[in-house]
Amino acid sequence: MPFTKNDPNINRGGRPKKEVCIPEILRSILHEEIGEGGKITRLEAILKKVVKMAYEGDHWAIGYLSDRTEGKAVERIDQTLKHEPIRVFDFDD
């Protein structure tokens, strides 16, 4: 059945525009070039600062860089459950 003219069920405006979200804004800001002649992005400048902090002994920076380059360490949890043995019933008797 085709739609009729001025049918309120038709989405005349199309799909609504996607709202700008914070991660997109941050990515655009971090990829802006800064410095003399725009030779480096903000993200590169921040990461160079983190590397410098790690070299100077900042434990947070060392952990951050190792997690980003090597991946987070796997945390294993050993768990033992104490339960009573299962009783088996014999229905053939």
PDB file of N, CA and C in Angstrom:
ATOM      1  N   MET A   1       0.844  -1.165   0.000  1.00  0.00           N
ATOM      2  CA  MET A   1       0.000   0.000   0.000  1.00  0.00           C
ATOM      3  C   MET A   1       0.897   1.238   0.000  1.00  0.00           C
ATOM      4  N   PRO A   2       0.802   2.105  -1.004  1.00  0.00           N
ATOM      5  CA  PRO A   2       1.651   3.298  -1.047  1.00  0.00           C
ATOM      6  C   PRO A   2       1.183   4.347  -0.038  1.00  0.00           C
ATOM      7  N   PHE A   3       2.126   5.175   0.360  1.00  0.00           N
ATOM      8  CA  PHE A   3       1.783   6.264   1.273  1.00  0.00           C
ATOM      9  C   PHE A   3       0.992   7.327   0.528  1.00  0.00           C
ATOM     10  N   THR A   4       0.121   7.963   1.258  1.00  0.00           N
ATOM     11  CA  THR A   4      -0.641   9.054   0.652  1.00  0.00           C
ATOM     12  C   THR A   4      -0.008  10.391   1.027  1.00  0.00           C
ATOM     13  N   LYS A   5      -0.330  11.421   0.273  1.00  0.00           N
ATOM     14  CA  LYS A   5       0.233  12.737   0.517  1.00  0.00           C
ATOM     15  C   LYS A   5      -0.205  13.247   1.891  1.00  0.00           C
ATOM     16  N   ASN A   6       0.717  13.889   2.600  1.00  0.00           N
ATOM     17  CA  ASN A   6       0.502  14.446   3.938  1.00  0.00           C
ATOM     18  C   ASN A   6       0.208  13.375   4.994  1.00  0.00           C
ATOM     19  N   ASP A   7       0.693  12.172   4.757  1.00  0.00           N
ATOM     20  CA  ASP A   7       0.522  11.086   5.726  1.00  0.00           C
ATOM     21  C   ASP A   7       1.438  11.352   6.911  1.00  0.00           C
ATOM     22  N   PRO A   8       0.900  11.409   8.130  1.00  0.00           N
ATOM     23  CA  PRO A   8       1.754  11.704   9.290  1.00  0.00           C
ATOM     24  C   PRO A   8       2.733  10.582   9.610  1.00  0.00           C
ATOM     25  N   ASN A   9       2.553   9.405   9.024  1.00  0.00           N
ATOM     26  CA  ASN A   9       3.453   8.281   9.296  1.00  0.00           C
ATOM     27  C   ASN A   9       4.764   8.365   8.530  1.00  0.00           C
ATOM     28  N   ILE A  10       4.836   9.247   7.561  1.00  0.00           N
ATOM     29  CA  ILE A  10       6.068   9.377   6.777  1.00  0.00           C
ATOM     30  C   ILE A  10       7.041  10.262   7.540  1.00  0.00           C
ATOM     31  N   ASN A  11       8.294   9.830   7.615  1.00  0.00           N
ATOM     32  CA  ASN A  11       9.328  10.613   8.303  1.00  0.00           C
ATOM     33  C   ASN A  11       9.870  11.645   7.310  1.00  0.00           C
ATOM     34  N   ARG A  12       9.249  12.800   7.271  1.00  0.00           N
ATOM     35  CA  ARG A  12       9.601  13.812   6.284  1.00  0.00           C
ATOM     36  C   ARG A  12      10.994  14.416   6.521  1.00  0.00           C
ATOM     37  N   GLY A  13      11.411  14.481   7.766  1.00  0.00           N
ATOM     38  CA  GLY A  13      12.713  15.083   8.059  1.00  0.00           C
ATOM     39  C   GLY A  13      13.867  14.122   7.886  1.00  0.00           C
ATOM     40  N   GLY A  14      13.580  12.869   7.618  1.00  0.00           N
ATOM     41  CA  GLY A  14      14.642  11.876   7.499  1.00  0.00           C
ATOM     42  C   GLY A  14      15.174  11.486   8.869  1.00  0.00           C
ATOM     43  N   ARG A  15      16.259  10.779   8.862  1.00  0.00           N
ATOM     44  CA  ARG A  15      16.880  10.367  10.121  1.00  0.00           C
ATOM     45  C   ARG A  15      17.405  11.589  10.849  1.00  0.00           C
ATOM     46  N   PRO A  16      17.175  11.686  12.163  1.00  0.00           N
ATOM     47  CA  PRO A  16      17.678  12.853  12.895  1.00  0.00           C
ATOM     48  C   PRO A  16      19.207  12.905  12.883  1.00  0.00           C
ATOM     49  N   LYS A  17      19.733  14.099  12.899  1.00  0.00           N
ATOM     50  CA  LYS A  17      21.181  14.286  12.923  1.00  0.00           C
ATOM     51  C   LYS A  17      21.752  13.720  14.211  1.00  0.00           C
ATOM     52  N   LYS A  18      22.911  13.078  14.093  1.00  0.00           N
ATOM     53  CA  LYS A  18      23.580  12.520  15.254  1.00  0.00           C
ATOM     54  C   LYS A  18      24.167  13.660  16.073  1.00  0.00           C
ATOM     55  N   GLU A  19      23.964  13.587  17.386  1.00  0.00           N
ATOM     56  CA  GLU A  19      24.519  14.620  18.251  1.00  0.00           C
ATOM     57  C   GLU A  19      26.026  14.446  18.352  1.00  0.00           C
ATOM     58  N   VAL A  20      26.720  15.542  18.514  1.00  0.00           N
ATOM     59  CA  VAL A  20      28.161  15.488  18.690  1.00  0.00           C
ATOM     60  C   VAL A  20      28.441  14.997  20.101  1.00  0.00           C
ATOM     61  N   CYS A  21      29.300  13.991  20.201  1.00  0.00           N
ATOM     62  CA  CYS A  21      29.586  13.438  21.520  1.00  0.00           C
ATOM     63  C   CYS A  21      30.990  13.846  21.969  1.00  0.00           C
ATOM     64  N   ILE A  22      31.215  13.754  23.252  1.00  0.00           N
ATOM     65  CA  ILE A  22      32.474  14.205  23.862  1.00  0.00           C
ATOM     66  C   ILE A  22      33.692  13.502  23.271  1.00  0.00           C
ATOM     67  N   PRO A  23      33.684  12.167  23.083  1.00  0.00           N
ATOM     68  CA  PRO A  23      34.881  11.542  22.499  1.00  0.00           C
ATOM     69  C   PRO A  23      35.245  12.087  21.118  1.00  0.00           C
ATOM     70  N   GLU A  24      34.249  12.394  20.302  1.00  0.00           N
ATOM     71  CA  GLU A  24      34.543  12.962  18.981  1.00  0.00           C
ATOM     72  C   GLU A  24      35.190  14.342  19.104  1.00  0.00           C
ATOM     73  N   ILE A  25      34.682  15.145  20.020  1.00  0.00           N
ATOM     74  CA  ILE A  25      35.252  16.479  20.232  1.00  0.00           C
ATOM     75  C   ILE A  25      36.690  16.365  20.717  1.00  0.00           C
ATOM     76  N   LEU A  26      36.925  15.461  21.685  1.00  0.00           N
ATOM     77  CA  LEU A  26      38.278  15.281  22.199  1.00  0.00           C
ATOM     78  C   LEU A  26      39.237  14.807  21.115  1.00  0.00           C
ATOM     79  N   ARG A  27      38.790  13.866  20.276  1.00  0.00           N
ATOM     80  CA  ARG A  27      39.658  13.386  19.191  1.00  0.00           C
ATOM     81  C   ARG A  27      40.038  14.519  18.250  1.00  0.00           C
ATOM     82  N   SER A  28      39.069  15.365  17.918  1.00  0.00           N
ATOM     83  CA  SER A  28      39.382  16.467  17.003  1.00  0.00           C
ATOM     84  C   SER A  28      40.359  17.456  17.644  1.00  0.00           C
ATOM     85  N   ILE A  29      40.200  17.711  18.937  1.00  0.00           N
ATOM     86  CA  ILE A  29      41.121  18.617  19.631  1.00  0.00           C
ATOM     87  C   ILE A  29      42.515  18.003  19.715  1.00  0.00           C
ATOM     88  N   LEU A  30      42.590  16.710  20.042  1.00  0.00           N
ATOM     89  CA  LEU A  30      43.887  16.057  20.189  1.00  0.00           C
ATOM     90  C   LEU A  30      44.645  15.949  18.872  1.00  0.00           C
ATOM     91  N   HIS A  31      43.937  15.942  17.751  1.00  0.00           N
ATOM     92  CA  HIS A  31      44.615  15.818  16.464  1.00  0.00           C
ATOM     93  C   HIS A  31      44.938  17.165  15.827  1.00  0.00           C
ATOM     94  N   GLU A  32      44.638  18.260  16.540  1.00  0.00           N
ATOM     95  CA  GLU A  32      45.029  19.583  16.038  1.00  0.00           C
ATOM     96  C   GLU A  32      46.546  19.719  16.132  1.00  0.00           C
ATOM     97  N   GLU A  33      47.117  20.342  15.141  1.00  0.00           N
ATOM     98  CA  GLU A  33      48.564  20.552  15.147  1.00  0.00           C
ATOM     99  C   GLU A  33      48.890  21.801  15.957  1.00  0.00           C
ATOM    100  N   ILE A  34      49.969  21.713  16.721  1.00  0.00           N
ATOM    101  CA  ILE A  34      50.396  22.833  17.563  1.00  0.00           C
ATOM    102  C   ILE A  34      51.876  23.071  17.339  1.00  0.00           C
ATOM    103  N   GLY A  35      52.389  24.051  18.007  1.00  0.00           N
ATOM    104  CA  GLY A  35      53.820  24.332  17.928  1.00  0.00           C
ATOM    105  C   GLY A  35      54.163  25.157  16.704  1.00  0.00           C
ATOM    106  N   GLU A  36      55.439  25.360  16.536  1.00  0.00           N
ATOM    107  CA  GLU A  36      55.914  26.166  15.412  1.00  0.00           C
ATOM    108  C   GLU A  36      55.739  25.391  14.108  1.00  0.00           C
ATOM    109  N   GLY A  37      54.944  25.920  13.230  1.00  0.00           N
ATOM    110  CA  GLY A  37      54.743  25.283  11.935  1.00  0.00           C
ATOM    111  C   GLY A  37      53.828  24.073  11.994  1.00  0.00           C
ATOM    112  N   GLY A  38      53.205  23.806  13.126  1.00  0.00           N
ATOM    113  CA  GLY A  38      52.295  22.673  13.238  1.00  0.00           C
ATOM    114  C   GLY A  38      52.964  21.340  13.006  1.00  0.00           C
ATOM    115  N   LYS A  39      54.124  21.140  13.604  1.00  0.00           N
ATOM    116  CA  LYS A  39      54.882  19.913  13.375  1.00  0.00           C
ATOM    117  C   LYS A  39      54.453  18.766  14.281  1.00  0.00           C
ATOM    118  N   ILE A  40      53.652  19.045  15.279  1.00  0.00           N
ATOM    119  CA  ILE A  40      53.290  18.016  16.242  1.00  0.00           C
ATOM    120  C   ILE A  40      51.828  18.214  16.659  1.00  0.00           C
ATOM    121  N   THR A  41      51.126  17.117  16.912  1.00  0.00           N
ATOM    122  CA  THR A  41      49.739  17.227  17.365  1.00  0.00           C
ATOM    123  C   THR A  41      49.710  17.306  18.884  1.00  0.00           C
ATOM    124  N   ARG A  42      48.563  17.722  19.416  1.00  0.00           N
ATOM    125  CA  ARG A  42      48.412  17.786  20.876  1.00  0.00           C
ATOM    126  C   ARG A  42      48.600  16.409  21.498  1.00  0.00           C
ATOM    127  N   LEU A  43      48.082  15.388  20.838  1.00  0.00           N
ATOM    128  CA  LEU A  43      48.212  14.022  21.350  1.00  0.00           C
ATOM    129  C   LEU A  43      49.670  13.610  21.443  1.00  0.00           C
ATOM    130  N   GLU A  44      50.458  13.908  20.430  1.00  0.00           N
ATOM    131  CA  GLU A  44      51.881  13.582  20.467  1.00  0.00           C
ATOM    132  C   GLU A  44      52.587  14.334  21.590  1.00  0.00           C
ATOM    133  N   ALA A  45      52.214  15.587  21.802  1.00  0.00           N
ATOM    134  CA  ALA A  45      52.827  16.380  22.873  1.00  0.00           C
ATOM    135  C   ALA A  45      52.503  15.783  24.241  1.00  0.00           C
ATOM    136  N   ILE A  46      51.253  15.358  24.424  1.00  0.00           N
ATOM    137  CA  ILE A  46      50.860  14.762  25.703  1.00  0.00           C
ATOM    138  C   ILE A  46      51.603  13.460  25.936  1.00  0.00           C
ATOM    139  N   LEU A  47      51.700  12.621  24.897  1.00  0.00           N
ATOM    140  CA  LEU A  47      52.387  11.337  25.060  1.00  0.00           C
ATOM    141  C   LEU A  47      53.880  11.525  25.312  1.00  0.00           C
ATOM    142  N   LYS A  48      54.472  12.544  24.706  1.00  0.00           N
ATOM    143  CA  LYS A  48      55.882  12.830  25.000  1.00  0.00           C
ATOM    144  C   LYS A  48      56.053  13.226  26.460  1.00  0.00           C
ATOM    145  N   LYS A  49      55.092  13.971  26.995  1.00  0.00           N
ATOM    146  CA  LYS A  49      55.123  14.365  28.411  1.00  0.00           C
ATOM    147  C   LYS A  49      55.017  13.134  29.303  1.00  0.00           C
ATOM    148  N   VAL A  50      54.143  12.186  28.947  1.00  0.00           N
ATOM    149  CA  VAL A  50      53.997  10.961  29.744  1.00  0.00           C
ATOM    150  C   VAL A  50      55.291  10.152  29.716  1.00  0.00           C
ATOM    151  N   VAL A  51      55.929  10.064  28.553  1.00  0.00           N
ATOM    152  CA  VAL A  51      57.203   9.341  28.455  1.00  0.00           C
ATOM    153  C   VAL A  51      58.255  10.018  29.324  1.00  0.00           C
ATOM    154  N   LYS A  52      58.284  11.346  29.321  1.00  0.00           N
ATOM    155  CA  LYS A  52      59.246  12.085  30.144  1.00  0.00           C
ATOM    156  C   LYS A  52      58.984  11.813  31.629  1.00  0.00           C
ATOM    157  N   MET A  53      57.702  11.815  32.019  1.00  0.00           N
ATOM    158  CA  MET A  53      57.358  11.537  33.416  1.00  0.00           C
ATOM    159  C   MET A  53      57.802  10.129  33.817  1.00  0.00           C
ATOM    160  N   ALA A  54      57.606   9.158  32.924  1.00  0.00           N
ATOM    161  CA  ALA A  54      58.018   7.786  33.208  1.00  0.00           C
ATOM    162  C   ALA A  54      59.530   7.693  33.348  1.00  0.00           C
ATOM    163  N   TYR A  55      60.243   8.384  32.492  1.00  0.00           N
ATOM    164  CA  TYR A  55      61.706   8.371  32.557  1.00  0.00           C
ATOM    165  C   TYR A  55      62.205   8.971  33.864  1.00  0.00           C
ATOM    166  N   GLU A  56      61.460   9.951  34.396  1.00  0.00           N
ATOM    167  CA  GLU A  56      61.845  10.591  35.656  1.00  0.00           C
ATOM    168  C   GLU A  56      61.396   9.792  36.878  1.00  0.00           C
ATOM    169  N   GLY A  57      60.693   8.656  36.653  1.00  0.00           N
ATOM    170  CA  GLY A  57      60.366   7.764  37.760  1.00  0.00           C
ATOM    171  C   GLY A  57      58.935   7.817  38.254  1.00  0.00           C
ATOM    172  N   ASP A  58      58.050   8.482  37.553  1.00  0.00           N
ATOM    173  CA  ASP A  58      56.655   8.540  37.970  1.00  0.00           C
ATOM    174  C   ASP A  58      56.023   7.158  37.745  1.00  0.00           C
ATOM    175  N   HIS A  59      55.585   6.522  38.839  1.00  0.00           N
ATOM    176  CA  HIS A  59      55.063   5.155  38.767  1.00  0.00           C
ATOM    177  C   HIS A  59      53.780   5.065  37.949  1.00  0.00           C
ATOM    178  N   TRP A  60      52.925   6.081  38.033  1.00  0.00           N
ATOM    179  CA  TRP A  60      51.707   6.069  37.242  1.00  0.00           C
ATOM    180  C   TRP A  60      52.034   6.053  35.753  1.00  0.00           C
ATOM    181  N   ALA A  61      52.969   6.897  35.338  1.00  0.00           N
ATOM    182  CA  ALA A  61      53.335   6.999  33.930  1.00  0.00           C
ATOM    183  C   ALA A  61      53.967   5.697  33.441  1.00  0.00           C
ATOM    184  N   ILE A  62      54.778   5.083  34.277  1.00  0.00           N
ATOM    185  CA  ILE A  62      55.394   3.805  33.904  1.00  0.00           C
ATOM    186  C   ILE A  62      54.313   2.749  33.692  1.00  0.00           C
ATOM    187  N   GLY A  63      53.382   2.662  34.625  1.00  0.00           N
ATOM    188  CA  GLY A  63      52.294   1.697  34.502  1.00  0.00           C
ATOM    189  C   GLY A  63      51.421   1.963  33.282  1.00  0.00           C
ATOM    190  N   TYR A  64      51.123   3.234  33.032  1.00  0.00           N
ATOM    191  CA  TYR A  64      50.297   3.610  31.888  1.00  0.00           C
ATOM    192  C   TYR A  64      50.957   3.180  30.590  1.00  0.00           C
ATOM    193  N   LEU A  65      52.239   3.487  30.453  1.00  0.00           N
ATOM    194  CA  LEU A  65      52.940   3.137  29.220  1.00  0.00           C
ATOM    195  C   LEU A  65      53.059   1.631  29.042  1.00  0.00           C
ATOM    196  N   SER A  66      53.328   0.912  30.132  1.00  0.00           N
ATOM    197  CA  SER A  66      53.446  -0.543  29.996  1.00  0.00           C
ATOM    198  C   SER A  66      52.097  -1.170  29.658  1.00  0.00           C
ATOM    199  N   ASP A  67      51.015  -0.657  30.229  1.00  0.00           N
ATOM    200  CA  ASP A  67      49.688  -1.177  29.893  1.00  0.00           C
ATOM    201  C   ASP A  67      49.350  -0.910  28.434  1.00  0.00           C
ATOM    202  N   ARG A  68      49.732   0.245  27.932  1.00  0.00           N
ATOM    203  CA  ARG A  68      49.409   0.604  26.552  1.00  0.00           C
ATOM    204  C   ARG A  68      50.281  -0.124  25.537  1.00  0.00           C
ATOM    205  N   THR A  69      51.505  -0.435  25.897  1.00  0.00           N
ATOM    206  CA  THR A  69      52.401  -1.066  24.932  1.00  0.00           C
ATOM    207  C   THR A  69      52.390  -2.585  25.036  1.00  0.00           C
ATOM    208  N   GLU A  70      52.303  -3.128  26.237  1.00  0.00           N
ATOM    209  CA  GLU A  70      52.373  -4.571  26.438  1.00  0.00           C
ATOM    210  C   GLU A  70      51.017  -5.193  26.748  1.00  0.00           C
ATOM    211  N   GLY A  71      50.031  -4.391  27.067  1.00  0.00           N
ATOM    212  CA  GLY A  71      48.722  -4.898  27.468  1.00  0.00           C
ATOM    213  C   GLY A  71      48.696  -5.101  28.971  1.00  0.00           C
ATOM    214  N   LYS A  72      47.504  -5.040  29.541  1.00  0.00           N
ATOM    215  CA  LYS A  72      47.377  -5.215  30.987  1.00  0.00           C
ATOM    216  C   LYS A  72      47.675  -6.657  31.357  1.00  0.00           C
ATOM    217  N   ALA A  73      48.263  -6.827  32.532  1.00  0.00           N
ATOM    218  CA  ALA A  73      48.573  -8.164  33.014  1.00  0.00           C
ATOM    219  C   ALA A  73      47.282  -8.909  33.332  1.00  0.00           C
ATOM    220  N   VAL A  74      47.287 -10.209  33.053  1.00  0.00           N
ATOM    221  CA  VAL A  74      46.119 -11.028  33.334  1.00  0.00           C
ATOM    222  C   VAL A  74      46.066 -11.287  34.832  1.00  0.00           C
ATOM    223  N   GLU A  75      44.920 -11.036  35.418  1.00  0.00           N
ATOM    224  CA  GLU A  75      44.743 -11.268  36.843  1.00  0.00           C
ATOM    225  C   GLU A  75      43.992 -12.582  37.010  1.00  0.00           C
ATOM    226  N   ARG A  76      44.632 -13.533  37.673  1.00  0.00           N
ATOM    227  CA  ARG A  76      44.010 -14.838  37.869  1.00  0.00           C
ATOM    228  C   ARG A  76      43.450 -14.924  39.280  1.00  0.00           C
ATOM    229  N   ILE A  77      42.286 -15.507  39.367  1.00  0.00           N
ATOM    230  CA  ILE A  77      41.652 -15.698  40.665  1.00  0.00           C
ATOM    231  C   ILE A  77      41.379 -17.186  40.820  1.00  0.00           C
ATOM    232  N   ASP A  78      41.967 -17.798  41.843  1.00  0.00           N
ATOM    233  CA  ASP A  78      41.697 -19.201  42.143  1.00  0.00           C
ATOM    234  C   ASP A  78      40.555 -19.260  43.137  1.00  0.00           C
ATOM    235  N   GLN A  79      39.596 -20.090  42.824  1.00  0.00           N
ATOM    236  CA  GLN A  79      38.430 -20.187  43.680  1.00  0.00           C
ATOM    237  C   GLN A  79      38.084 -21.662  43.843  1.00  0.00           C
ATOM    238  N   THR A  80      37.941 -22.072  45.085  1.00  0.00           N
ATOM    239  CA  THR A  80      37.529 -23.445  45.347  1.00  0.00           C
ATOM    240  C   THR A  80      36.179 -23.400  46.038  1.00  0.00           C
ATOM    241  N   LEU A  81      35.318 -24.288  45.626  1.00  0.00           N
ATOM    242  CA  LEU A  81      33.987 -24.349  46.200  1.00  0.00           C
ATOM    243  C   LEU A  81      33.884 -25.596  47.068  1.00  0.00           C
ATOM    244  N   LYS A  82      33.349 -25.431  48.240  1.00  0.00           N
ATOM    245  CA  LYS A  82      33.134 -26.562  49.122  1.00  0.00           C
ATOM    246  C   LYS A  82      31.666 -26.942  49.025  1.00  0.00           C
ATOM    247  N   HIS A  83      31.420 -28.161  48.636  1.00  0.00           N
ATOM    248  CA  HIS A  83      30.046 -28.624  48.533  1.00  0.00           C
ATOM    249  C   HIS A  83      29.984 -30.093  48.946  1.00  0.00           C
ATOM    250  N   GLU A  84      28.809 -30.514  49.246  1.00  0.00           N
ATOM    251  CA  GLU A  84      28.605 -31.903  49.627  1.00  0.00           C
ATOM    252  C   GLU A  84      28.534 -32.739  48.360  1.00  0.00           C
ATOM    253  N   PRO A  85      28.927 -34.014  48.451  1.00  0.00           N
ATOM    254  CA  PRO A  85      28.853 -34.875  47.259  1.00  0.00           C
ATOM    255  C   PRO A  85      27.402 -35.015  46.780  1.00  0.00           C
ATOM    256  N   ILE A  86      27.259 -35.188  45.515  1.00  0.00           N
ATOM    257  CA  ILE A  86      25.943 -35.340  44.936  1.00  0.00           C
ATOM    258  C   ILE A  86      25.448 -36.764  45.203  1.00  0.00           C
ATOM    259  N   ARG A  87      24.226 -36.890  45.671  1.00  0.00           N
ATOM    260  CA  ARG A  87      23.661 -38.200  45.938  1.00  0.00           C
ATOM    261  C   ARG A  87      22.935 -38.687  44.703  1.00  0.00           C
ATOM    262  N   VAL A  88      23.255 -39.894  44.308  1.00  0.00           N
ATOM    263  CA  VAL A  88      22.636 -40.475  43.124  1.00  0.00           C
ATOM    264  C   VAL A  88      21.546 -41.418  43.567  1.00  0.00           C
ATOM    265  N   PHE A  89      20.377 -41.274  42.992  1.00  0.00           N
ATOM    266  CA  PHE A  89      19.243 -42.125  43.337  1.00  0.00           C
ATOM    267  C   PHE A  89      19.079 -43.205  42.286  1.00  0.00           C
ATOM    268  N   ASP A  90      18.775 -44.388  42.757  1.00  0.00           N
ATOM    269  CA  ASP A  90      18.546 -45.508  41.854  1.00  0.00           C
ATOM    270  C   ASP A  90      17.055 -45.789  41.834  1.00  0.00           C
ATOM    271  N   PHE A  91      16.421 -45.567  40.687  1.00  0.00           N
ATOM    272  CA  PHE A  91      14.982 -45.706  40.593  1.00  0.00           C
ATOM    273  C   PHE A  91      14.543 -47.108  40.140  1.00  0.00           C
ATOM    274  N   ASP A  92      15.505 -48.007  39.925  1.00  0.00           N
ATOM    275  CA  ASP A  92      15.163 -49.353  39.448  1.00  0.00           C
ATOM    276  C   ASP A  92      14.738 -50.276  40.572  1.00  0.00           C
ATOM    277  N   ASP A  93      14.850 -49.908  41.818  1.00  0.00           N
ATOM    278  CA  ASP A  93      14.507 -50.810  42.933  1.00  0.00           C
ATOM    279  C   ASP A  93      13.056 -51.004  43.106  1.00  0.00           C
TER     280      ASP A  93
END
